Amino acid sequence: MQISALNHCNSPDEVTTQLKNLPPDLNQSYQQFFDQLNPHHHDIVLTIVQWLSFSKRSLTIEQICEAVAIVRVEDQQPKYQPGKKWNRLSVERVCADLVTVINGNRFSIITLNKCSPQ
């Protein structure tokens, strides 16, 4: 997220200004990301972050696309709803500053980006 903000700078002065305006800690960095996110995507991106945060291994992007389709309907157990499944381009586009997609031979691995403290 922070690197992405710096990549949009066109001069040394812009870089200096951007560095001064970066959030001071990880929580505020993620808050800034969510503030800029379309509100319609908040719950889905939060689901992606949870799956990536608690997974014991890196997940393929296809697994993340499937995971967002597991939803809780009212007081019922979570249920797979195929119509809620995202495609890989949506995950890559919406979560571009949040995740890293590493291309392998047959699939992509998706990991949660860590913001470095200043």
Protein backbone atom coordinates (compact mmCIF):
# COMPACT_ATOMS: atom_id res chain seq x y z
CA MET A 1 0.00 0.00 0.00
CA GLN A 2 2.74 2.42 0.94
CA ILE A 3 4.91 1.46 -2.03
CA SER A 4 1.93 1.98 -4.32
CA ALA A 5 1.43 5.48 -2.93
CA LEU A 6 5.11 6.27 -3.52
CA ASN A 7 4.99 4.87 -7.06
CA HIS A 8 2.53 7.61 -8.00
CA CYS A 9 5.03 10.34 -7.11
CA ASN A 10 6.70 12.18 -10.00
CA SER A 11 9.40 14.18 -8.24
CA PRO A 12 11.62 14.06 -5.15
CA ASP A 13 9.44 16.72 -3.48
CA GLU A 14 6.32 14.59 -4.05
CA VAL A 15 8.11 11.59 -2.53
CA THR A 16 9.07 13.65 0.54
CA THR A 17 5.50 14.92 0.93
CA GLN A 18 4.06 11.43 0.49
CA LEU A 19 6.48 9.97 3.06
CA LYS A 20 5.36 12.60 5.58
CA ASN A 21 1.70 11.71 4.93
CA LEU A 22 1.96 7.91 5.14
CA PRO A 23 0.11 6.32 8.04
CA PRO A 24 2.45 5.77 11.01
CA ASP A 25 1.45 2.16 11.74
CA LEU A 26 0.00 -0.98 10.21
CA ASN A 27 -3.52 -0.49 11.57
CA GLN A 28 -3.77 2.99 10.11
CA SER A 29 -2.35 1.73 6.80
CA TYR A 30 -5.09 -0.87 6.54
CA GLN A 31 -7.69 1.69 7.64
CA GLN A 32 -6.55 4.00 4.85
CA PHE A 33 -6.88 1.15 2.35
CA PHE A 34 -10.43 0.37 3.50
CA ASP A 35 -11.37 4.08 3.46
CA GLN A 36 -10.43 4.24 -0.23
CA LEU A 37 -12.20 0.99 -1.06
CA ASN A 38 -15.68 0.88 -2.59
CA PRO A 39 -18.00 0.20 0.41
CA HIS A 40 -19.65 -2.57 -1.61
CA HIS A 41 -16.36 -4.51 -1.42
CA HIS A 42 -15.60 -4.09 2.31
CA ASP A 43 -17.06 -7.40 3.49
CA ILE A 44 -15.52 -9.40 0.66
CA VAL A 45 -12.07 -7.87 1.11
CA LEU A 46 -12.32 -8.44 4.85
CA THR A 47 -13.13 -12.10 4.10
CA ILE A 48 -10.07 -12.33 1.85
CA VAL A 49 -7.86 -10.77 4.54
CA GLN A 50 -9.19 -13.21 7.13
CA TRP A 51 -8.58 -16.25 4.91
CA LEU A 52 -5.04 -15.09 4.12
CA SER A 53 -4.27 -14.11 7.72
CA PHE A 54 -5.35 -17.39 9.26
CA SER A 55 -4.33 -19.82 6.54
CA LYS A 56 -1.40 -22.05 7.46
CA ARG A 57 -0.08 -21.75 3.91
CA SER A 58 -0.34 -19.43 0.93
CA LEU A 59 -3.56 -19.87 -1.00
CA THR A 60 -4.08 -19.99 -4.72
CA ILE A 61 -6.09 -17.18 -6.20
CA GLU A 62 -8.67 -19.78 -7.25
CA GLN A 63 -9.08 -20.81 -3.60
CA ILE A 64 -9.62 -17.18 -2.60
CA CYS A 65 -12.23 -16.81 -5.37
CA GLU A 66 -14.06 -19.82 -3.91
CA ALA A 67 -13.65 -18.63 -0.29
CA VAL A 68 -15.55 -15.38 -0.88
CA ALA A 69 -18.54 -17.47 -1.97
CA ILE A 70 -18.81 -19.05 1.50
CA VAL A 71 -21.28 -16.78 3.25
CA ARG A 72 -23.37 -16.80 6.37
CA VAL A 73 -27.07 -16.21 5.72
CA GLU A 74 -28.73 -14.78 8.83
CA ASP A 75 -28.37 -17.26 11.74
CA GLN A 76 -27.51 -20.26 9.58
CA GLN A 77 -24.19 -22.03 9.14
CA PRO A 78 -21.91 -20.65 6.42
CA LYS A 79 -22.91 -21.97 3.03
CA TYR A 80 -21.24 -22.05 -0.38
CA GLN A 81 -23.12 -19.83 -2.85
CA PRO A 82 -21.59 -20.16 -6.33
CA GLY A 83 -23.19 -16.94 -7.52
CA LYS A 84 -21.06 -14.98 -5.01
CA LYS A 85 -17.78 -16.38 -6.35
CA TRP A 86 -15.32 -13.74 -7.59
CA ASN A 87 -13.08 -14.16 -10.61
CA ARG A 88 -9.31 -13.81 -10.42
CA LEU A 89 -9.26 -10.42 -12.17
CA SER A 90 -11.64 -8.97 -9.58
CA VAL A 91 -9.45 -10.17 -6.71
CA GLU A 92 -6.33 -8.79 -8.37
CA ARG A 93 -7.99 -5.44 -9.19
CA VAL A 94 -9.81 -4.76 -5.93
CA CYS A 95 -7.01 -6.07 -3.69
CA ALA A 96 -4.07 -4.80 -5.76
CA ASP A 97 -2.46 -2.84 -2.90
CA LEU A 98 -3.29 -5.46 -0.32
CA VAL A 99 -2.11 -8.76 -1.77
CA THR A 100 0.70 -10.17 -3.85
CA VAL A 101 -0.05 -12.67 -6.59
CA ILE A 102 2.93 -14.87 -7.42
CA ASN A 103 2.61 -16.71 -10.71
CA GLY A 104 3.64 -20.34 -10.66
CA ASN A 105 3.58 -22.99 -13.32
CA ARG A 106 -0.10 -23.88 -13.03
CA PHE A 107 -1.64 -21.48 -10.53
CA SER A 108 -1.06 -18.26 -8.64
CA ILE A 109 -0.30 -18.01 -4.96
CA ILE A 110 -1.80 -15.08 -3.15
CA THR A 111 -0.32 -13.65 0.05
CA LEU A 112 -1.19 -10.75 2.29
CA ASN A 113 1.15 -7.76 1.94
CA LYS A 114 2.76 -6.55 5.11
CA CYS A 115 3.23 -2.82 5.50
CA SER A 116 6.67 -1.91 6.76
CA PRO A 117 6.77 0.40 9.79
CA GLN A 118 8.36 3.80 9.26
